Amino acid sequence: MKRTTLMAAAIAATIAGITLATVTGCAAGATATTPAANHNATDTAAEHVLVRGPDPYEFLPKVPSFRLTSQTVRNGRPLPIAQLSGILGVPGGKDISPQLSWSGFPAATKSFVVSMYDPQAPTGSGFWHWIVGDIPVATTSLPAGAGVPGSPSLPSPAFQLNGDAGAPRYIGGAPPKGSGVHDYYITVTALDVPATGVPATASGALLGFTIDAHTIARATLICPTSAGE
């Protein structure tokens, strides 16, 4: 009887040890920096960002990445004050779209879409801050400030959608106080068609749905930003 009790205790201890190790391993994996698919860094493709919330591209078909760089924002760093939104009430925000340059996209690329999206906005559907469609394949950079209404810096036939602020322009980041860190996804999407086929009045969701089957590569900078509280 005593031997049986000791064996039972040993088995229970072994199971407890395995369970503890498993739980500890899961917890460690949950807090570790995990490379996000299809995301390129500003300085090096080896740099990765810890994404705290939903990756808006996680459930889309996997596509290759390419190099995306910027002189005004850095992958893994908060948006500078100039790229935050005075229009949405951020003190000192200037709503200036970032400078972007890209290279290494597939030879079959015929146009690009540039966007900035906040999946953690307290809306239930995220928030599109900037969307530019029909950027011709010969264009591989946009200067800072290209996101103004009626921008002369956008090459024909590129156009800006209204985004979720209801204006065809760049609207800077504006994380509400108390909402934690927001991961702003600045993305260049390479398409195998010369035009998206959507009007300027289309929503970001409709544009995304329309270009899904034509997306052949994607590059993203992630700028985790909070209200600073």
Protein backbone atom coordinates (compact mmCIF):
# COMPACT_ATOMS: atom_id res chain seq x y z
CA MET A 1 0.00 0.00 0.00
CA LYS A 2 2.83 2.36 0.98
CA ARG A 3 4.70 1.59 -2.25
CA THR A 4 1.56 2.25 -4.33
CA THR A 5 1.08 5.61 -2.60
CA LEU A 6 4.69 6.61 -3.27
CA MET A 7 4.37 5.68 -6.96
CA ALA A 8 1.18 7.67 -7.28
CA ALA A 9 2.87 10.65 -5.66
CA ALA A 10 5.83 10.36 -8.03
CA ILE A 11 3.56 10.22 -11.09
CA ALA A 12 1.60 13.22 -9.86
CA ALA A 13 4.83 15.17 -9.30
CA THR A 14 6.04 14.27 -12.80
CA ILE A 15 2.77 15.41 -14.39
CA ALA A 16 2.87 18.63 -12.35
CA GLY A 17 6.42 19.24 -13.51
CA ILE A 18 5.53 18.70 -17.15
CA THR A 19 2.49 20.98 -16.83
CA LEU A 20 4.54 23.71 -15.14
CA ALA A 21 7.24 23.48 -17.82
CA THR A 22 4.62 23.66 -20.57
CA VAL A 23 2.87 26.68 -19.06
CA THR A 24 6.19 28.43 -18.45
CA GLY A 25 7.26 27.75 -22.03
CA CYS A 26 3.99 29.16 -23.40
CA ALA A 27 4.32 32.26 -21.27
CA ALA A 28 7.88 32.81 -22.45
CA GLY A 29 6.84 32.35 -26.06
CA ALA A 30 4.00 34.83 -25.65
CA THR A 31 6.31 37.59 -24.46
CA ALA A 32 9.23 36.92 -26.78
CA THR A 33 9.85 39.05 -29.84
CA THR A 34 8.38 37.11 -32.73
CA PRO A 35 9.21 38.04 -36.33
CA ALA A 36 6.10 39.23 -38.12
CA ALA A 37 5.60 37.82 -41.61
CA ASN A 38 6.23 40.09 -44.59
CA HIS A 39 7.59 43.00 -42.52
CA ASN A 40 10.81 44.74 -43.53
CA ALA A 41 12.71 47.09 -41.27
CA THR A 42 13.83 50.60 -42.12
CA ASP A 43 17.52 49.81 -41.70
CA THR A 44 17.76 46.06 -42.12
CA ALA A 45 15.52 43.19 -43.06
CA ALA A 46 16.80 41.33 -39.98
CA GLU A 47 15.16 43.79 -37.56
CA HIS A 48 11.75 42.72 -36.24
CA VAL A 49 9.09 44.37 -34.12
CA LEU A 50 7.10 42.90 -31.25
CA VAL A 51 3.48 43.25 -32.38
CA ARG A 52 1.12 43.66 -29.43
CA GLY A 53 -2.18 43.42 -31.23
CA PRO A 54 -3.79 41.91 -34.31
CA ASP A 55 -1.64 41.78 -37.43
CA PRO A 56 -4.00 43.03 -40.16
CA TYR A 57 -2.21 40.87 -42.74
CA GLU A 58 -2.11 37.66 -40.74
CA PHE A 59 -5.16 36.09 -42.38
CA LEU A 60 -4.34 37.19 -45.92
CA PRO A 61 -2.46 34.95 -48.35
CA LYS A 62 1.28 34.98 -47.62
CA VAL A 63 3.31 36.95 -50.16
CA PRO A 64 6.99 37.90 -50.46
CA SER A 65 8.31 41.08 -48.92
CA PHE A 66 10.67 43.74 -50.27
CA ARG A 67 12.68 46.64 -48.86
CA LEU A 68 10.85 49.66 -47.46
CA THR A 69 12.79 52.56 -45.91
CA SER A 70 11.99 56.02 -44.59
CA GLN A 71 13.84 59.18 -43.69
CA THR A 72 11.13 60.25 -41.24
CA VAL A 73 9.90 57.12 -39.41
CA ARG A 74 11.72 54.07 -38.10
CA ASN A 75 10.54 50.51 -37.85
CA GLY A 76 9.88 49.67 -34.20
CA ARG A 77 9.96 53.32 -33.06
CA PRO A 78 7.04 55.65 -32.24
CA LEU A 79 5.72 58.01 -34.88
CA PRO A 80 7.43 61.43 -34.62
CA ILE A 81 5.23 64.34 -33.56
CA ALA A 82 5.03 65.60 -37.16
CA GLN A 83 3.38 62.32 -38.19
CA LEU A 84 0.77 62.55 -35.40
CA SER A 85 -2.58 64.23 -35.95
CA GLY A 86 -3.34 67.78 -34.91
CA ILE A 87 -6.59 67.36 -36.84
CA LEU A 88 -7.62 64.63 -34.40
CA GLY A 89 -6.48 66.64 -31.40
CA VAL A 90 -2.89 65.58 -30.72
CA PRO A 91 -1.00 68.62 -29.34
CA GLY A 92 1.76 69.55 -31.79
CA GLY A 93 0.63 66.98 -34.37
CA LYS A 94 1.15 68.15 -37.94
CA ASP A 95 -0.45 65.38 -40.07
CA ILE A 96 2.61 65.21 -42.34
CA SER A 97 2.86 61.93 -44.23
CA PRO A 98 6.25 60.21 -43.92
CA GLN A 99 8.88 60.00 -46.62
CA LEU A 100 8.97 56.47 -48.07
CA SER A 101 11.24 54.61 -50.49
CA TRP A 102 10.99 51.01 -51.66
CA SER A 103 12.92 48.55 -53.80
CA GLY A 104 13.32 44.84 -54.51
CA PHE A 105 9.67 44.23 -55.45
CA PRO A 106 8.75 41.52 -57.99
CA ALA A 107 9.35 42.13 -61.69
CA ALA A 108 5.65 41.46 -62.35
CA THR A 109 4.64 44.53 -60.31
CA LYS A 110 2.48 47.01 -62.24
CA SER A 111 1.38 49.42 -59.49
CA PHE A 112 1.52 50.11 -55.76
CA VAL A 113 -0.80 50.98 -52.92
CA VAL A 114 0.54 52.91 -49.93
CA SER A 115 -1.36 52.91 -46.65
CA MET A 116 -1.20 53.49 -42.91
CA TYR A 117 -3.53 51.48 -40.69
CA ASP A 118 -4.09 51.17 -36.94
CA PRO A 119 -5.65 47.77 -36.10
CA GLN A 120 -5.90 48.68 -32.39
CA ALA A 121 -8.03 51.80 -32.80
CA PRO A 122 -11.06 51.61 -30.48
CA THR A 123 -13.56 51.25 -33.30
CA GLY A 124 -14.06 47.51 -33.66
CA SER A 125 -12.71 47.74 -37.20
CA GLY A 126 -9.39 49.55 -36.85
CA PHE A 127 -8.68 52.92 -38.51
CA TRP A 128 -7.31 53.74 -41.97
CA HIS A 129 -5.14 56.86 -41.63
CA TRP A 130 -3.90 57.04 -45.21
CA ILE A 131 -4.53 55.19 -48.47
CA VAL A 132 -2.99 55.98 -51.85
CA GLY A 133 -4.00 53.85 -54.83
CA ASP A 134 -2.80 53.49 -58.43
CA ILE A 135 0.81 54.53 -57.83
CA PRO A 136 2.60 53.65 -61.11
CA VAL A 137 5.37 51.06 -60.99
CA ALA A 138 7.95 53.63 -62.09
CA THR A 139 7.44 55.47 -58.78
CA THR A 140 9.53 54.01 -55.96
CA SER A 141 9.37 56.80 -53.39
CA LEU A 142 7.10 59.47 -51.96
CA PRO A 143 8.41 62.65 -50.34
CA ALA A 144 7.38 63.71 -46.85
CA GLY A 145 4.14 65.66 -47.00
CA ALA A 146 2.81 63.90 -50.10
CA GLY A 147 -0.40 63.14 -48.22
CA VAL A 148 -1.94 66.63 -48.39
CA PRO A 149 -5.30 67.08 -50.15
CA GLY A 150 -4.85 67.38 -53.92
CA SER A 151 -1.16 66.62 -53.49
CA PRO A 152 1.10 67.70 -56.37
CA SER A 153 3.68 65.19 -55.12
CA LEU A 154 1.64 62.16 -56.11
CA PRO A 155 2.34 60.85 -59.63
CA SER A 156 -0.56 60.53 -62.05
CA PRO A 157 -2.87 58.57 -61.90
CA ALA A 158 -2.38 58.02 -58.14
CA PHE A 159 -5.19 59.17 -55.86
CA GLN A 160 -5.96 59.28 -52.15
CA LEU A 161 -8.98 57.59 -50.63
CA ASN A 162 -10.97 59.25 -47.88
CA GLY A 163 -9.79 56.91 -45.14
CA ASP A 164 -11.70 56.63 -41.88
CA ALA A 165 -11.43 60.34 -41.08
CA GLY A 166 -13.50 61.09 -44.18
CA ALA A 167 -10.82 63.15 -45.95
CA PRO A 168 -8.66 62.22 -48.97
CA ARG A 169 -5.37 62.87 -47.21
CA TYR A 170 -2.90 61.62 -44.61
CA ILE A 171 -4.30 61.77 -41.08
CA GLY A 172 -1.61 61.25 -38.48
CA GLY A 173 -1.62 58.83 -35.60
CA ALA A 174 -3.83 59.75 -32.64
CA PRO A 175 -3.78 57.01 -29.98
CA PRO A 176 -6.43 57.86 -27.35
CA LYS A 177 -5.19 58.28 -23.77
CA GLY A 178 -5.50 55.09 -21.79
CA SER A 179 -5.69 52.86 -24.88
CA GLY A 180 -2.12 51.60 -24.63
CA VAL A 181 0.29 51.16 -27.51
CA HIS A 182 -1.01 51.22 -31.09
CA ASP A 183 0.99 49.52 -33.85
CA TYR A 184 0.74 51.77 -36.90
CA TYR A 185 1.29 49.72 -40.07
CA ILE A 186 2.81 51.79 -42.89
CA THR A 187 2.61 49.51 -45.90
CA VAL A 188 3.51 49.45 -49.57
CA THR A 189 1.60 46.76 -51.48
CA ALA A 190 2.78 45.61 -54.91
CA LEU A 191 0.03 44.67 -57.38
CA ASP A 192 0.05 42.77 -60.67
CA VAL A 193 -2.46 45.22 -62.19
CA PRO A 194 -1.91 48.89 -63.13
CA ALA A 195 -5.03 50.12 -61.32
CA THR A 196 -7.09 49.09 -58.29
CA GLY A 197 -10.38 49.70 -60.06
CA VAL A 198 -12.00 51.36 -57.03
CA PRO A 199 -13.24 54.97 -56.84
CA ALA A 200 -11.79 57.54 -54.45
CA THR A 201 -14.94 57.17 -52.34
CA ALA A 202 -14.20 53.48 -51.60
CA SER A 203 -13.49 52.39 -48.05
CA GLY A 204 -10.16 50.93 -47.01
CA ALA A 205 -11.88 47.59 -46.50
CA LEU A 206 -13.31 47.59 -50.03
CA LEU A 207 -9.92 48.49 -51.46
CA GLY A 208 -8.28 45.68 -49.49
CA PHE A 209 -10.90 43.19 -50.67
CA THR A 210 -10.47 44.32 -54.28
CA ILE A 211 -6.67 44.10 -54.37
CA ASP A 212 -6.36 40.86 -52.39
CA ALA A 213 -6.22 38.63 -55.49
CA HIS A 214 -3.74 41.00 -57.17
CA THR A 215 -1.28 41.41 -54.29
CA ILE A 216 2.08 39.85 -55.15
CA ALA A 217 4.29 41.40 -52.46
CA ARG A 218 4.03 43.60 -49.39
CA ALA A 219 6.46 45.60 -47.25
CA THR A 220 5.60 47.17 -43.90
CA LEU A 221 7.09 49.43 -41.27
CA ILE A 222 5.47 49.14 -37.83
CA CYS A 223 5.56 52.20 -35.56
CA PRO A 224 4.30 51.37 -32.03
CA THR A 225 2.97 54.60 -30.52
CA SER A 226 1.04 55.55 -27.38
CA ALA A 227 -0.51 58.75 -26.06
CA GLY A 228 2.42 59.00 -23.66
CA GLU A 229 0.58 58.46 -20.40
